[in-house]
Amino acid sequence: MPGPAPFFGATRPGLSLIFWIWRNNIADGAATGHWIGGQWMSTGDPGRSLNPATGAFLGAYVTAGTAEAEDAILAVRRAFEMTAWKSDRALRARVLYQIADAFDAHAEEMAELIAAENGKILPQARMESYSCASTFRYNAALARTRAGRADQRRRAVPDDPPAGGRCRGNRPLGTRRSP
């Protein structure tokens, strides 16, 4: 079987890769690892995903512990600091829109997996699966706004001074502090 399709200009762990791994897991029973720092990590205890209604094997995985979580956090921080992700709102929005499109393309398959793995009825699993894309689209739109910008600096002067000039608090007229 061919490898995963390129995602966002390079082979990255996108949703298409997740589905590719899941399909191959069912076929060969191999455990899915964790994508950390640009490589697959397979440390951790093995686990099996079973359908709670039938006991059927759905896939295998490896668990992650504190060390894997710390490695993932460091890898994310490095990627955040060393790429345009931090400052390029259009890039963040574009990636989130691509993820939303991938969820749309696999929504029914995802619903079937959710139903099988969690023992949910298919209509409820569909509701969860089909709502994923809209959540990513909402966050893509938010990423394009100024408020969605990753800005770690604390401003010495606020962007919008309080109404009426500088004052200790910005409260509407006619209110008072409660005793």
Protein backbone atom coordinates (compact mmCIF):
# COMPACT_ATOMS: atom_id res chain seq x y z
CA MET A 1 0.00 0.00 0.00
CA PRO A 2 1.41 3.46 -0.85
CA GLY A 3 2.34 5.83 1.94
CA PRO A 4 0.32 8.79 3.18
CA ALA A 5 -0.51 11.68 0.88
CA PRO A 6 1.43 14.91 1.34
CA PHE A 7 -0.19 17.31 3.78
CA PHE A 8 0.51 21.04 3.60
CA GLY A 9 3.36 20.79 1.13
CA ALA A 10 5.26 17.96 2.82
CA THR A 11 4.49 14.57 4.26
CA ARG A 12 3.24 15.51 7.70
CA PRO A 13 0.95 13.82 10.17
CA GLY A 14 -2.33 15.19 8.90
CA LEU A 15 -5.71 13.59 9.14
CA SER A 16 -5.11 11.68 5.90
CA LEU A 17 -2.10 10.08 7.61
CA ILE A 18 -4.17 9.17 10.65
CA PHE A 19 -6.71 7.38 8.46
CA TRP A 20 -3.93 5.67 6.49
CA ILE A 21 -2.38 4.36 9.72
CA TRP A 22 -5.75 3.26 11.07
CA ARG A 23 -6.53 1.28 7.90
CA ASN A 24 -3.11 -0.37 7.99
CA ASN A 25 -3.45 -1.14 11.70
CA ILE A 26 -6.58 -3.13 11.05
CA ALA A 27 -4.86 -4.98 8.21
CA ASP A 28 -1.66 -5.96 10.02
CA GLY A 29 -2.31 -5.38 13.73
CA ALA A 30 0.71 -3.06 14.14
CA ALA A 31 0.59 -0.56 16.97
CA THR A 32 0.24 3.13 16.17
CA GLY A 33 2.92 5.25 17.82
CA HIS A 34 3.20 8.97 18.46
CA TRP A 35 4.43 11.59 15.99
CA ILE A 36 6.93 13.68 18.00
CA GLY A 37 9.47 16.06 16.53
CA GLY A 38 9.07 14.78 12.99
CA GLN A 39 9.42 11.07 13.72
CA TRP A 40 7.37 8.13 14.92
CA MET A 41 7.93 7.14 18.54
CA SER A 42 6.79 3.70 19.65
CA THR A 43 7.83 3.73 23.30
CA GLY A 44 5.24 2.94 25.93
CA ASP A 45 3.02 0.06 26.85
CA PRO A 46 0.97 -1.56 24.10
CA GLY A 47 -2.78 -1.15 24.09
CA ARG A 48 -5.65 -2.53 22.05
CA SER A 49 -8.80 -0.74 20.97
CA LEU A 50 -11.82 -3.03 21.10
CA ASN A 51 -15.46 -2.54 20.17
CA PRO A 52 -17.24 -2.60 23.57
CA ALA A 53 -20.37 -4.16 22.06
CA THR A 54 -18.73 -7.02 20.17
CA GLY A 55 -15.21 -7.22 21.55
CA ALA A 56 -13.88 -6.98 17.98
CA PHE A 57 -10.31 -5.72 17.58
CA LEU A 58 -10.23 -2.20 16.06
CA GLY A 59 -6.55 -1.30 16.32
CA ALA A 60 -3.43 -1.23 18.44
CA TYR A 61 -1.59 1.69 19.98
CA VAL A 62 1.21 2.46 22.41
CA THR A 63 0.64 4.61 25.46
CA ALA A 64 2.62 7.73 26.24
CA GLY A 65 4.07 8.64 29.59
CA THR A 66 5.65 11.71 31.11
CA ALA A 67 8.83 11.41 29.03
CA GLU A 68 6.89 11.30 25.75
CA ALA A 69 4.70 14.21 26.83
CA GLU A 70 7.78 16.29 27.71
CA ASP A 71 9.40 15.40 24.35
CA ALA A 72 6.22 16.43 22.53
CA ILE A 73 6.00 19.73 24.42
CA LEU A 74 9.65 20.54 23.63
CA ALA A 75 9.15 19.65 19.95
CA VAL A 76 6.08 21.87 19.72
CA ARG A 77 7.88 24.75 21.43
CA ARG A 78 10.86 24.36 19.05
CA ALA A 79 8.55 24.32 16.01
CA PHE A 80 6.67 27.35 17.34
CA GLU A 81 9.87 29.34 17.86
CA MET A 82 11.68 28.26 14.67
CA THR A 83 8.93 28.57 12.06
CA ALA A 84 6.54 31.22 10.78
CA TRP A 85 3.65 29.62 12.71
CA LYS A 86 3.98 32.14 15.54
CA SER A 87 3.66 35.24 13.38
CA ASP A 88 1.88 34.20 10.18
CA ARG A 89 -1.87 34.30 10.77
CA ALA A 90 -2.63 33.32 7.17
CA LEU A 91 -0.46 30.21 7.52
CA ARG A 92 -2.26 29.13 10.69
CA ALA A 93 -5.64 29.72 9.08
CA ARG A 94 -4.66 27.84 5.91
CA VAL A 95 -3.52 24.77 7.88
CA LEU A 96 -6.67 24.78 10.03
CA TYR A 97 -8.85 25.05 6.91
CA GLN A 98 -6.97 22.08 5.38
CA ILE A 99 -7.61 20.04 8.52
CA ALA A 100 -11.30 20.99 8.36
CA ASP A 101 -11.43 19.82 4.73
CA ALA A 102 -9.81 16.52 5.73
CA PHE A 103 -12.40 16.03 8.48
CA ASP A 104 -15.17 16.73 5.97
CA ALA A 105 -13.71 14.21 3.53
CA HIS A 106 -13.59 11.47 6.19
CA ALA A 107 -16.59 12.42 8.36
CA GLU A 108 -18.64 9.28 7.71
CA GLU A 109 -15.66 6.97 8.18
CA MET A 110 -14.80 8.82 11.39
CA ALA A 111 -18.39 8.48 12.63
CA GLU A 112 -18.27 4.72 12.07
CA LEU A 113 -15.00 4.49 14.00
CA ILE A 114 -16.35 6.61 16.87
CA ALA A 115 -19.46 4.43 17.07
CA ALA A 116 -17.42 1.22 17.00
CA GLU A 117 -14.78 2.32 19.49
CA ASN A 118 -17.08 4.03 22.00
CA GLY A 119 -20.24 1.97 21.65
CA LYS A 120 -22.24 5.03 20.59
CA ILE A 121 -25.20 4.98 18.30
CA LEU A 122 -24.27 6.06 14.79
CA PRO A 123 -26.39 9.27 14.75
CA GLN A 124 -24.61 10.54 17.88
CA ALA A 125 -21.22 9.59 16.44
CA ARG A 126 -22.12 11.41 13.21
CA MET A 127 -22.98 14.55 15.18
CA GLU A 128 -19.52 14.46 16.78
CA SER A 129 -17.74 13.65 13.55
CA TYR A 130 -19.47 16.24 11.39
CA SER A 131 -18.99 19.01 13.99
CA CYS A 132 -15.18 18.68 13.88
CA ALA A 133 -14.79 20.54 10.58
CA SER A 134 -16.85 23.51 11.74
CA THR A 135 -14.76 23.77 14.91
CA PHE A 136 -11.55 23.89 12.86
CA ARG A 137 -13.09 26.45 10.49
CA TYR A 138 -14.12 28.65 13.42
CA ASN A 139 -10.58 28.55 14.79
CA ALA A 140 -9.14 29.20 11.31
CA ALA A 141 -11.23 32.36 11.11
CA LEU A 142 -10.15 33.33 14.62
CA ALA A 143 -6.50 32.82 13.66
CA ARG A 144 -6.88 35.50 10.99
CA THR A 145 -8.01 38.11 13.53
CA ARG A 146 -5.72 40.26 15.59
CA ALA A 147 -7.00 38.60 18.77
CA GLY A 148 -6.04 35.22 17.33
CA ARG A 149 -2.43 36.30 16.94
CA ALA A 150 0.10 34.53 19.12
CA ASP A 151 1.51 37.54 20.95
CA GLN A 152 3.52 36.76 24.05
CA ARG A 153 4.56 40.36 24.79
CA ARG A 154 2.92 42.43 27.46
CA ARG A 155 2.20 45.88 26.11
CA ALA A 156 3.33 48.87 28.16
CA VAL A 157 0.44 50.91 26.76
CA PRO A 158 -2.88 49.23 26.02
CA ASP A 159 -4.10 49.32 22.42
CA ASP A 160 -7.35 51.02 23.39
CA PRO A 161 -7.14 53.46 26.31
CA PRO A 162 -10.12 53.51 28.65
CA ALA A 163 -12.96 55.85 27.79
CA GLY A 164 -12.48 59.31 29.29
CA GLY A 165 -8.69 59.10 29.34
CA ARG A 166 -6.56 57.31 31.87
CA CYS A 167 -8.40 56.27 34.98
CA ARG A 168 -8.12 53.55 37.55
CA GLY A 169 -11.07 51.55 36.24
CA ASN A 170 -13.20 51.56 33.15
CA ARG A 171 -16.77 51.27 34.45
CA PRO A 172 -19.96 52.48 32.79
CA LEU A 173 -21.50 55.68 34.20
CA GLY A 174 -24.11 55.10 36.86
CA THR A 175 -22.47 52.14 38.55
CA ARG A 176 -20.59 52.04 41.77
CA ARG A 177 -18.36 49.63 43.56
CA SER A 178 -20.18 47.22 45.85
CA PRO A 179 -19.26 47.43 49.55
